[in-house]
Amino acid sequence: MTATRLKAKTFRVHIEDRNGLFVATSPDLKGMLVVGRSVEAVTTAIPKEVEDLFAACGSKVIVSEVENDNNEFTPWVAVPAEIARRVLETV
């Protein structure tokens, strides 16, 4: 993750129940860790966590979950805000 990166980054998220606390991690994003009392709470918190990880590297991104059929990992995407802005200007 660098400030000059202008490509979308896809990453996988794994959520597991650890004795009543749900924990989300990603094998693709070092340092990503989200904990909550429900899957919904964790899923809601993931975008902010990932935005903060990219911001620490100087990049502003917009994060979204991707439609998925896999039960173990959920795909997500972080799109650089500059790319999102350019696309929205053409709509």
C-alpha atoms as a PDB file:
ATOM      1  CA  MET A   1       0.000   0.000   0.000  1.00  0.00           C
ATOM      2  CA  THR A   2       1.620   3.200  -1.167  1.00  0.00           C
ATOM      3  CA  ALA A   3       0.437   6.751  -1.638  1.00  0.00           C
ATOM      4  CA  THR A   4       1.030   6.569  -5.411  1.00  0.00           C
ATOM      5  CA  ARG A   5      -1.015   3.395  -5.941  1.00  0.00           C
ATOM      6  CA  LEU A   6      -3.963   4.092  -8.232  1.00  0.00           C
ATOM      7  CA  LYS A   7      -5.338   0.587  -8.615  1.00  0.00           C
ATOM      8  CA  ALA A   8      -8.144  -1.094  -6.735  1.00  0.00           C
ATOM      9  CA  LYS A   9      -7.021  -3.708  -4.206  1.00  0.00           C
ATOM     10  CA  THR A  10      -9.088  -6.809  -3.634  1.00  0.00           C
ATOM     11  CA  PHE A  11      -8.708  -8.657  -0.359  1.00  0.00           C
ATOM     12  CA  ARG A  12     -10.317 -11.574   1.435  1.00  0.00           C
ATOM     13  CA  VAL A  13     -11.831 -11.381   4.911  1.00  0.00           C
ATOM     14  CA  HIS A  14     -12.377 -14.296   7.246  1.00  0.00           C
ATOM     15  CA  ILE A  15     -14.827 -13.902  10.144  1.00  0.00           C
ATOM     16  CA  GLU A  16     -14.890 -16.469  12.915  1.00  0.00           C
ATOM     17  CA  ASP A  17     -16.722 -16.859  16.199  1.00  0.00           C
ATOM     18  CA  ARG A  18     -14.308 -16.966  19.124  1.00  0.00           C
ATOM     19  CA  ASN A  19     -16.434 -17.787  22.155  1.00  0.00           C
ATOM     20  CA  GLY A  20     -19.106 -15.184  21.441  1.00  0.00           C
ATOM     21  CA  LEU A  21     -16.838 -12.520  19.961  1.00  0.00           C
ATOM     22  CA  PHE A  22     -16.599 -12.335  16.201  1.00  0.00           C
ATOM     23  CA  VAL A  23     -13.142 -11.651  14.786  1.00  0.00           C
ATOM     24  CA  ALA A  24     -12.383 -10.560  11.219  1.00  0.00           C
ATOM     25  CA  THR A  25      -8.898 -10.880   9.754  1.00  0.00           C
ATOM     26  CA  SER A  26      -7.461 -10.830   6.258  1.00  0.00           C
ATOM     27  CA  PRO A  27      -4.586 -12.890   4.885  1.00  0.00           C
ATOM     28  CA  ASP A  28      -4.191 -10.137   2.261  1.00  0.00           C
ATOM     29  CA  LEU A  29      -4.066  -7.040   4.519  1.00  0.00           C
ATOM     30  CA  LYS A  30      -1.399  -7.170   7.183  1.00  0.00           C
ATOM     31  CA  GLY A  31      -2.666  -5.741  10.456  1.00  0.00           C
ATOM     32  CA  MET A  32      -6.380  -5.914   9.723  1.00  0.00           C
ATOM     33  CA  LEU A  33      -8.279  -6.970  12.828  1.00  0.00           C
ATOM     34  CA  VAL A  34     -11.901  -6.189  13.635  1.00  0.00           C
ATOM     35  CA  VAL A  35     -13.707  -7.549  16.705  1.00  0.00           C
ATOM     36  CA  GLY A  36     -17.398  -7.284  17.534  1.00  0.00           C
ATOM     37  CA  ARG A  37     -20.309  -8.978  19.268  1.00  0.00           C
ATOM     38  CA  SER A  38     -22.039  -9.939  15.993  1.00  0.00           C
ATOM     39  CA  VAL A  39     -21.161 -10.648  12.374  1.00  0.00           C
ATOM     40  CA  GLU A  40     -23.141  -7.552  11.400  1.00  0.00           C
ATOM     41  CA  ALA A  41     -21.153  -5.340  13.793  1.00  0.00           C
ATOM     42  CA  VAL A  42     -17.873  -6.667  12.418  1.00  0.00           C
ATOM     43  CA  THR A  43     -18.985  -6.334   8.797  1.00  0.00           C
ATOM     44  CA  THR A  44     -20.084  -2.754   9.433  1.00  0.00           C
ATOM     45  CA  ALA A  45     -16.710  -1.888  11.013  1.00  0.00           C
ATOM     46  CA  ILE A  46     -14.508  -3.415   8.299  1.00  0.00           C
ATOM     47  CA  PRO A  47     -14.622  -0.454   5.861  1.00  0.00           C
ATOM     48  CA  LYS A  48     -13.424   2.038   8.490  1.00  0.00           C
ATOM     49  CA  GLU A  49     -10.618  -0.295   9.613  1.00  0.00           C
ATOM     50  CA  VAL A  50      -9.400  -0.786   6.041  1.00  0.00           C
ATOM     51  CA  GLU A  51      -9.693   2.939   5.258  1.00  0.00           C
ATOM     52  CA  ASP A  52      -7.519   3.629   8.320  1.00  0.00           C
ATOM     53  CA  LEU A  53      -4.931   1.046   7.231  1.00  0.00           C
ATOM     54  CA  PHE A  54      -4.636   2.656   3.799  1.00  0.00           C
ATOM     55  CA  ALA A  55      -4.617   6.176   5.295  1.00  0.00           C
ATOM     56  CA  ALA A  56      -1.617   5.183   7.416  1.00  0.00           C
ATOM     57  CA  CYS A  57       0.182   4.578   4.103  1.00  0.00           C
ATOM     58  CA  GLY A  58      -1.001   7.862   2.601  1.00  0.00           C
ATOM     59  CA  SER A  59      -3.872   6.532   0.468  1.00  0.00           C
ATOM     60  CA  LYS A  60      -7.549   7.445   0.665  1.00  0.00           C
ATOM     61  CA  VAL A  61      -9.840   4.590  -0.379  1.00  0.00           C
ATOM     62  CA  ILE A  62     -13.484   3.648  -0.535  1.00  0.00           C
ATOM     63  CA  VAL A  63     -14.148   0.103   0.708  1.00  0.00           C
ATOM     64  CA  SER A  64     -16.948  -2.235  -0.273  1.00  0.00           C
ATOM     65  CA  GLU A  65     -17.873  -5.875   0.151  1.00  0.00           C
ATOM     66  CA  VAL A  66     -18.097  -7.866  -3.085  1.00  0.00           C
ATOM     67  CA  GLU A  67     -20.852 -10.334  -3.913  1.00  0.00           C
ATOM     68  CA  ASN A  68     -19.698 -13.821  -3.035  1.00  0.00           C
ATOM     69  CA  ASP A  69     -20.592 -17.510  -2.944  1.00  0.00           C
ATOM     70  CA  ASN A  70     -17.629 -18.602  -0.794  1.00  0.00           C
ATOM     71  CA  ASN A  71     -18.415 -19.351   2.846  1.00  0.00           C
ATOM     72  CA  GLU A  72     -14.867 -19.212   4.245  1.00  0.00           C
ATOM     73  CA  PHE A  73     -13.619 -15.896   2.850  1.00  0.00           C
ATOM     74  CA  THR A  74     -15.611 -12.846   1.792  1.00  0.00           C
ATOM     75  CA  PRO A  75     -14.075 -10.726  -0.971  1.00  0.00           C
ATOM     76  CA  TRP A  76     -13.815  -6.966  -0.487  1.00  0.00           C
ATOM     77  CA  VAL A  77     -12.356  -4.178  -2.601  1.00  0.00           C
ATOM     78  CA  ALA A  78     -10.596  -0.935  -1.705  1.00  0.00           C
ATOM     79  CA  VAL A  79     -10.877   1.585  -4.540  1.00  0.00           C
ATOM     80  CA  PRO A  80      -8.668   4.681  -4.465  1.00  0.00           C
ATOM     81  CA  ALA A  81     -10.898   7.694  -3.836  1.00  0.00           C
ATOM     82  CA  GLU A  82      -9.353   9.501  -6.808  1.00  0.00           C
ATOM     83  CA  ILE A  83     -10.495   6.742  -9.177  1.00  0.00           C
ATOM     84  CA  ALA A  84     -13.983   6.725  -7.650  1.00  0.00           C
ATOM     85  CA  ARG A  85     -14.179  10.501  -8.053  1.00  0.00           C
ATOM     86  CA  ARG A  86     -13.168  10.301 -11.730  1.00  0.00           C
ATOM     87  CA  VAL A  87     -15.754   7.607 -12.437  1.00  0.00           C
ATOM     88  CA  LEU A  88     -18.521   9.577 -10.724  1.00  0.00           C
ATOM     89  CA  GLU A  89     -17.649  12.658 -12.783  1.00  0.00           C
ATOM     90  CA  THR A  90     -18.358  10.720 -15.984  1.00  0.00           C
ATOM     91  CA  VAL A  91     -21.812   9.534 -14.866  1.00  0.00           C
END
